[in-house]
Amino acid sequence: MKKFDQIFFGLLIAGFSPLLLMMLTMTSWYYLDRNEAHAPYYLALGLVLGLVVDLKYFRRWLQNRYELPVGCVILIYLFYNILVYGFFMGFPAFHPLAGLVAGYYYGLRIVHQNIPAIQYPGMIRRVSFFTGLVMTAICIPSGLIGLVADGIDKNIQGMLNLGFEVTRPMLWAITLVGGVFLILFTVFLTRIAMMQTIKRHLQ
């Protein structure tokens, strides 16, 4: 598992700077230029800058992945959640997996830093609360967009092959219940991942 951890977290760390800088350069292109012929140059600039950052810092970040400042870990977690949000066009069903990864990482971090067992419950509670809070921040705009979008009731009716019309109150209920479920599921996955990772590595 140690090799898997190194490869998995290495990919996350290596991808962070290039992806972030490409997003920033493309945002600059959108607000400052908008000439479609120039877009590839902005994208390439972000990629090159990101690779330069990786060349300089990647090895150190990977070797010290369990000692990274908490602020950096939070930034990486938020960034990849934003990336997933955009990739799936605001559909939040896959975001609980980020909570699973966060729980796994923090479980390994606790073990690696030899944190006393008395601190486990508090850390598990704080990390789970944070991932649930991020999931809440994701569900709110996704739910609002779904509620105001035209034809969403027809889409749900067709997608689920329902023999009855989806009314506005039903749409509100689906949104609220689904959102609460995703938030609680994220918290659950984070807690379980942390507890099982700690248990397995301390046996």
C-alpha atoms as a PDB file:
ATOM      1  CA  MET A   1       0.000   0.000   0.000  1.00  0.00           C
ATOM      2  CA  LYS A   2       2.916   2.361   0.580  1.00  0.00           C
ATOM      3  CA  LYS A   3       3.743   2.309  -3.139  1.00  0.00           C
ATOM      4  CA  PHE A   4       0.079   2.934  -3.995  1.00  0.00           C
ATOM      5  CA  ASP A   5      -0.057   5.850  -1.546  1.00  0.00           C
ATOM      6  CA  GLN A   6       3.052   7.390  -3.071  1.00  0.00           C
ATOM      7  CA  ILE A   7       1.715   7.098  -6.623  1.00  0.00           C
ATOM      8  CA  PHE A   8      -1.827   8.225  -5.769  1.00  0.00           C
ATOM      9  CA  PHE A   9      -0.882  11.269  -3.708  1.00  0.00           C
ATOM     10  CA  GLY A  10       1.986  11.976  -6.094  1.00  0.00           C
ATOM     11  CA  LEU A  11      -0.497  12.326  -8.953  1.00  0.00           C
ATOM     12  CA  LEU A  12      -2.688  14.651  -6.899  1.00  0.00           C
ATOM     13  CA  ILE A  13       0.273  16.813  -5.898  1.00  0.00           C
ATOM     14  CA  ALA A  14       1.847  16.810  -9.372  1.00  0.00           C
ATOM     15  CA  GLY A  15      -1.415  17.786 -11.033  1.00  0.00           C
ATOM     16  CA  PHE A  16      -2.233  20.612  -8.642  1.00  0.00           C
ATOM     17  CA  SER A  17       0.134  23.349  -9.886  1.00  0.00           C
ATOM     18  CA  PRO A  18      -0.290  22.790 -13.666  1.00  0.00           C
ATOM     19  CA  LEU A  19      -4.080  22.514 -13.431  1.00  0.00           C
ATOM     20  CA  LEU A  20      -4.383  25.518 -11.120  1.00  0.00           C
ATOM     21  CA  LEU A  21      -2.133  27.724 -13.234  1.00  0.00           C
ATOM     22  CA  MET A  22      -3.867  26.678 -16.454  1.00  0.00           C
ATOM     23  CA  MET A  23      -7.178  27.663 -14.882  1.00  0.00           C
ATOM     24  CA  LEU A  24      -5.729  31.012 -13.799  1.00  0.00           C
ATOM     25  CA  THR A  25      -4.202  31.793 -17.212  1.00  0.00           C
ATOM     26  CA  MET A  26      -7.427  30.827 -18.993  1.00  0.00           C
ATOM     27  CA  THR A  27      -9.374  33.043 -16.589  1.00  0.00           C
ATOM     28  CA  SER A  28      -6.981  35.862 -17.487  1.00  0.00           C
ATOM     29  CA  TRP A  29      -7.586  35.143 -21.174  1.00  0.00           C
ATOM     30  CA  TYR A  30     -11.353  35.282 -20.670  1.00  0.00           C
ATOM     31  CA  TYR A  31     -11.310  38.632 -18.878  1.00  0.00           C
ATOM     32  CA  LEU A  32      -8.407  40.331 -20.689  1.00  0.00           C
ATOM     33  CA  ASP A  33      -8.299  38.952 -24.221  1.00  0.00           C
ATOM     34  CA  ARG A  34     -11.034  36.571 -25.462  1.00  0.00           C
ATOM     35  CA  ASN A  35      -9.287  36.180 -28.794  1.00  0.00           C
ATOM     36  CA  GLU A  36      -9.784  32.482 -29.540  1.00  0.00           C
ATOM     37  CA  ALA A  37      -6.541  32.329 -31.491  1.00  0.00           C
ATOM     38  CA  HIS A  38      -4.644  33.319 -28.316  1.00  0.00           C
ATOM     39  CA  ALA A  39      -6.326  30.793 -25.993  1.00  0.00           C
ATOM     40  CA  PRO A  40      -3.823  27.948 -26.656  1.00  0.00           C
ATOM     41  CA  TYR A  41      -0.939  30.264 -25.728  1.00  0.00           C
ATOM     42  CA  TYR A  42      -2.536  31.137 -22.392  1.00  0.00           C
ATOM     43  CA  LEU A  43      -3.174  27.447 -21.750  1.00  0.00           C
ATOM     44  CA  ALA A  44       0.391  26.522 -22.668  1.00  0.00           C
ATOM     45  CA  LEU A  45       1.741  29.286 -20.428  1.00  0.00           C
ATOM     46  CA  GLY A  46      -0.179  27.925 -17.449  1.00  0.00           C
ATOM     47  CA  LEU A  47       1.023  24.387 -18.177  1.00  0.00           C
ATOM     48  CA  VAL A  48       4.670  25.439 -18.479  1.00  0.00           C
ATOM     49  CA  LEU A  49       4.542  27.505 -15.287  1.00  0.00           C
ATOM     50  CA  GLY A  50       2.910  24.603 -13.459  1.00  0.00           C
ATOM     51  CA  LEU A  51       5.567  22.160 -14.663  1.00  0.00           C
ATOM     52  CA  VAL A  52       8.293  24.571 -13.559  1.00  0.00           C
ATOM     53  CA  VAL A  53       6.761  24.678 -10.077  1.00  0.00           C
ATOM     54  CA  ASP A  54       6.605  20.868 -10.052  1.00  0.00           C
ATOM     55  CA  LEU A  55      10.242  20.565 -11.128  1.00  0.00           C
ATOM     56  CA  LYS A  56      11.288  22.791  -8.259  1.00  0.00           C
ATOM     57  CA  TYR A  57       9.023  21.582  -5.437  1.00  0.00           C
ATOM     58  CA  PHE A  58       7.355  18.271  -6.338  1.00  0.00           C
ATOM     59  CA  ARG A  59       9.927  15.920  -4.837  1.00  0.00           C
ATOM     60  CA  ARG A  60       9.974  17.860  -1.557  1.00  0.00           C
ATOM     61  CA  TRP A  61       6.178  18.048  -1.388  1.00  0.00           C
ATOM     62  CA  LEU A  62       5.824  14.317  -2.056  1.00  0.00           C
ATOM     63  CA  GLN A  63       8.431  13.311   0.506  1.00  0.00           C
ATOM     64  CA  ASN A  64       6.776  15.544   3.107  1.00  0.00           C
ATOM     65  CA  ARG A  65       3.185  14.882   2.042  1.00  0.00           C
ATOM     66  CA  TYR A  66       2.081  14.069   5.599  1.00  0.00           C
ATOM     67  CA  GLU A  67       3.731  17.196   7.014  1.00  0.00           C
ATOM     68  CA  LEU A  68       2.263  19.688   4.564  1.00  0.00           C
ATOM     69  CA  PRO A  69       0.710  22.738   6.272  1.00  0.00           C
ATOM     70  CA  VAL A  70      -2.991  22.246   6.921  1.00  0.00           C
ATOM     71  CA  GLY A  71      -3.740  25.330   4.822  1.00  0.00           C
ATOM     72  CA  CYS A  72      -2.060  23.720   1.801  1.00  0.00           C
ATOM     73  CA  VAL A  73      -4.013  20.499   2.297  1.00  0.00           C
ATOM     74  CA  ILE A  74      -7.267  22.467   2.505  1.00  0.00           C
ATOM     75  CA  LEU A  75      -6.360  24.413  -0.646  1.00  0.00           C
ATOM     76  CA  ILE A  76      -5.675  21.207  -2.588  1.00  0.00           C
ATOM     77  CA  TYR A  77      -8.921  19.655  -1.344  1.00  0.00           C
ATOM     78  CA  LEU A  78     -10.985  22.702  -2.319  1.00  0.00           C
ATOM     79  CA  PHE A  79      -9.286  22.934  -5.699  1.00  0.00           C
ATOM     80  CA  TYR A  80     -10.043  19.358  -6.693  1.00  0.00           C
ATOM     81  CA  ASN A  81     -13.638  19.752  -5.511  1.00  0.00           C
ATOM     82  CA  ILE A  82     -13.982  22.788  -7.760  1.00  0.00           C
ATOM     83  CA  LEU A  83     -12.449  20.790 -10.606  1.00  0.00           C
ATOM     84  CA  VAL A  84     -14.925  17.932 -10.118  1.00  0.00           C
ATOM     85  CA  TYR A  85     -17.788  20.442  -9.831  1.00  0.00           C
ATOM     86  CA  GLY A  86     -16.892  21.952 -13.186  1.00  0.00           C
ATOM     87  CA  PHE A  87     -16.179  18.620 -14.891  1.00  0.00           C
ATOM     88  CA  PHE A  88     -19.597  17.213 -13.963  1.00  0.00           C
ATOM     89  CA  MET A  89     -21.318  20.562 -14.615  1.00  0.00           C
ATOM     90  CA  GLY A  90     -22.489  21.045 -11.039  1.00  0.00           C
ATOM     91  CA  PHE A  91     -23.811  17.505 -10.524  1.00  0.00           C
ATOM     92  CA  PRO A  92     -22.630  16.761  -6.954  1.00  0.00           C
ATOM     93  CA  ALA A  93     -23.059  12.975  -6.791  1.00  0.00           C
ATOM     94  CA  PHE A  94     -19.321  12.251  -7.098  1.00  0.00           C
ATOM     95  CA  HIS A  95     -18.084  14.713  -4.469  1.00  0.00           C
ATOM     96  CA  PRO A  96     -18.410  12.284  -1.533  1.00  0.00           C
ATOM     97  CA  LEU A  97     -15.438  10.442  -3.046  1.00  0.00           C
ATOM     98  CA  ALA A  98     -13.345  13.505  -2.206  1.00  0.00           C
ATOM     99  CA  GLY A  99     -14.359  13.020   1.433  1.00  0.00           C
ATOM    100  CA  LEU A 100     -13.214   9.408   1.173  1.00  0.00           C
ATOM    101  CA  VAL A 101      -9.806  10.522  -0.116  1.00  0.00           C
ATOM    102  CA  ALA A 102      -9.556  13.198   2.603  1.00  0.00           C
ATOM    103  CA  GLY A 103     -10.305  10.634   5.298  1.00  0.00           C
ATOM    104  CA  TYR A 104      -7.749   8.208   3.901  1.00  0.00           C
ATOM    105  CA  TYR A 105      -5.080  10.909   3.689  1.00  0.00           C
ATOM    106  CA  TYR A 106      -5.715  12.240   7.178  1.00  0.00           C
ATOM    107  CA  GLY A 107      -5.717   8.741   8.616  1.00  0.00           C
ATOM    108  CA  LEU A 108      -2.256   8.203   7.143  1.00  0.00           C
ATOM    109  CA  ARG A 109      -1.163  11.629   8.342  1.00  0.00           C
ATOM    110  CA  ILE A 110      -2.222  10.803  11.921  1.00  0.00           C
ATOM    111  CA  VAL A 111      -0.314   7.510  11.832  1.00  0.00           C
ATOM    112  CA  HIS A 112       2.781   9.044  10.225  1.00  0.00           C
ATOM    113  CA  GLN A 113       2.952  11.862  12.774  1.00  0.00           C
ATOM    114  CA  ASN A 114       2.452   9.460  15.711  1.00  0.00           C
ATOM    115  CA  ILE A 115      -0.409  11.533  17.084  1.00  0.00           C
ATOM    116  CA  PRO A 116      -1.627  10.253  20.489  1.00  0.00           C
ATOM    117  CA  ALA A 117      -4.766   8.108  20.389  1.00  0.00           C
ATOM    118  CA  ILE A 118      -6.560  10.493  22.733  1.00  0.00           C
ATOM    119  CA  GLN A 119      -6.615  13.062  19.909  1.00  0.00           C
ATOM    120  CA  TYR A 120      -8.160  10.716  17.313  1.00  0.00           C
ATOM    121  CA  PRO A 121     -11.854  11.443  18.056  1.00  0.00           C
ATOM    122  CA  GLY A 122     -11.380  15.200  17.898  1.00  0.00           C
ATOM    123  CA  MET A 123      -9.424  15.060  14.637  1.00  0.00           C
ATOM    124  CA  ILE A 124     -11.896  12.664  13.033  1.00  0.00           C
ATOM    125  CA  ARG A 125     -14.742  14.951  14.064  1.00  0.00           C
ATOM    126  CA  ARG A 126     -13.027  18.093  12.694  1.00  0.00           C
ATOM    127  CA  VAL A 127     -12.020  16.572   9.355  1.00  0.00           C
ATOM    128  CA  SER A 128     -15.473  15.024   8.853  1.00  0.00           C
ATOM    129  CA  PHE A 129     -17.134  18.340   9.717  1.00  0.00           C
ATOM    130  CA  PHE A 130     -14.939  20.125   7.182  1.00  0.00           C
ATOM    131  CA  THR A 131     -15.697  17.717   4.317  1.00  0.00           C
ATOM    132  CA  GLY A 132     -19.396  17.919   5.201  1.00  0.00           C
ATOM    133  CA  LEU A 133     -19.191  21.709   5.170  1.00  0.00           C
ATOM    134  CA  VAL A 134     -17.578  21.692   1.725  1.00  0.00           C
ATOM    135  CA  MET A 135     -20.252  19.275   0.508  1.00  0.00           C
ATOM    136  CA  THR A 136     -22.906  21.668   1.852  1.00  0.00           C
ATOM    137  CA  ALA A 137     -21.297  24.569  -0.033  1.00  0.00           C
ATOM    138  CA  ILE A 138     -21.427  22.450  -3.195  1.00  0.00           C
ATOM    139  CA  CYS A 139     -25.015  21.241  -2.761  1.00  0.00           C
ATOM    140  CA  ILE A 140     -26.530  24.689  -2.184  1.00  0.00           C
ATOM    141  CA  PRO A 141     -25.671  26.231  -5.590  1.00  0.00           C
ATOM    142  CA  SER A 142     -26.257  22.906  -7.358  1.00  0.00           C
ATOM    143  CA  GLY A 143     -29.718  22.653  -5.785  1.00  0.00           C
ATOM    144  CA  LEU A 144     -30.616  26.248  -6.565  1.00  0.00           C
ATOM    145  CA  ILE A 145     -29.496  25.883 -10.174  1.00  0.00           C
ATOM    146  CA  GLY A 146     -31.574  22.725 -10.482  1.00  0.00           C
ATOM    147  CA  LEU A 147     -34.653  24.369  -9.011  1.00  0.00           C
ATOM    148  CA  VAL A 148     -34.573  27.399 -11.308  1.00  0.00           C
ATOM    149  CA  ALA A 149     -33.517  25.569 -14.471  1.00  0.00           C
ATOM    150  CA  ASP A 150     -36.220  25.246 -17.115  1.00  0.00           C
ATOM    151  CA  GLY A 151     -37.413  21.733 -17.835  1.00  0.00           C
ATOM    152  CA  ILE A 152     -35.626  20.039 -14.937  1.00  0.00           C
ATOM    153  CA  ASP A 153     -38.901  18.380 -13.871  1.00  0.00           C
ATOM    154  CA  LYS A 154     -39.336  16.905 -17.357  1.00  0.00           C
ATOM    155  CA  ASN A 155     -35.731  15.733 -17.383  1.00  0.00           C
ATOM    156  CA  ILE A 156     -36.170  13.899 -14.063  1.00  0.00           C
ATOM    157  CA  GLN A 157     -39.440  12.394 -15.236  1.00  0.00           C
ATOM    158  CA  GLY A 158     -37.823  11.114 -18.427  1.00  0.00           C
ATOM    159  CA  MET A 159     -34.568   9.993 -16.789  1.00  0.00           C
ATOM    160  CA  LEU A 160     -36.412   7.904 -14.179  1.00  0.00           C
ATOM    161  CA  ASN A 161     -39.132   6.854 -16.647  1.00  0.00           C
ATOM    162  CA  LEU A 162     -41.831   8.018 -14.243  1.00  0.00           C
ATOM    163  CA  GLY A 163     -45.498   7.572 -15.152  1.00  0.00           C
ATOM    164  CA  PHE A 164     -46.524  10.764 -13.365  1.00  0.00           C
ATOM    165  CA  GLU A 165     -45.679  14.439 -13.532  1.00  0.00           C
ATOM    166  CA  VAL A 166     -42.915  15.756 -11.268  1.00  0.00           C
ATOM    167  CA  THR A 167     -44.382  18.763  -9.460  1.00  0.00           C
ATOM    168  CA  ARG A 168     -42.536  21.718  -7.952  1.00  0.00           C
ATOM    169  CA  PRO A 169     -43.013  20.479  -4.329  1.00  0.00           C
ATOM    170  CA  MET A 170     -41.668  17.071  -5.381  1.00  0.00           C
ATOM    171  CA  LEU A 171     -38.682  18.774  -6.993  1.00  0.00           C
ATOM    172  CA  TRP A 172     -37.975  20.665  -3.756  1.00  0.00           C
ATOM    173  CA  ALA A 173     -38.236  17.428  -1.775  1.00  0.00           C
ATOM    174  CA  ILE A 174     -35.874  15.585  -4.128  1.00  0.00           C
ATOM    175  CA  THR A 175     -33.361  18.431  -3.916  1.00  0.00           C
ATOM    176  CA  LEU A 176     -33.471  18.726  -0.121  1.00  0.00           C
ATOM    177  CA  VAL A 177     -33.419  14.996   0.598  1.00  0.00           C
ATOM    178  CA  GLY A 178     -30.721  14.365  -1.985  1.00  0.00           C
ATOM    179  CA  GLY A 179     -28.574  17.203  -0.666  1.00  0.00           C
ATOM    180  CA  VAL A 180     -28.871  16.105   2.961  1.00  0.00           C
ATOM    181  CA  PHE A 181     -28.056  12.528   1.954  1.00  0.00           C
ATOM    182  CA  LEU A 182     -24.914  13.593   0.065  1.00  0.00           C
ATOM    183  CA  ILE A 183     -23.724  15.721   2.991  1.00  0.00           C
ATOM    184  CA  LEU A 184     -24.247  12.940   5.539  1.00  0.00           C
ATOM    185  CA  PHE A 185     -22.745  10.364   3.168  1.00  0.00           C
ATOM    186  CA  THR A 186     -19.634  12.517   2.751  1.00  0.00           C
ATOM    187  CA  VAL A 187     -19.247  12.837   6.529  1.00  0.00           C
ATOM    188  CA  PHE A 188     -19.760   9.075   6.902  1.00  0.00           C
ATOM    189  CA  LEU A 189     -17.171   8.185   4.248  1.00  0.00           C
ATOM    190  CA  THR A 190     -14.640  10.564   5.755  1.00  0.00           C
ATOM    191  CA  ARG A 191     -15.082   9.130   9.260  1.00  0.00           C
ATOM    192  CA  ILE A 192     -14.962   5.507   8.117  1.00  0.00           C
ATOM    193  CA  ALA A 193     -11.908   6.111   5.931  1.00  0.00           C
ATOM    194  CA  MET A 194     -10.024   7.784   8.791  1.00  0.00           C
ATOM    195  CA  MET A 195     -10.935   5.164  11.377  1.00  0.00           C
ATOM    196  CA  GLN A 196     -10.196   2.169   9.132  1.00  0.00           C
ATOM    197  CA  THR A 197      -6.897   3.649   7.893  1.00  0.00           C
ATOM    198  CA  ILE A 198      -5.709   4.306  11.445  1.00  0.00           C
ATOM    199  CA  LYS A 199      -6.813   0.854  12.589  1.00  0.00           C
ATOM    200  CA  ARG A 200      -5.134  -0.965   9.706  1.00  0.00           C
ATOM    201  CA  HIS A 201      -1.805   0.836  10.015  1.00  0.00           C
ATOM    202  CA  LEU A 202      -1.587   0.492  13.801  1.00  0.00           C
ATOM    203  CA  GLN A 203      -2.261  -3.234  13.936  1.00  0.00           C
END
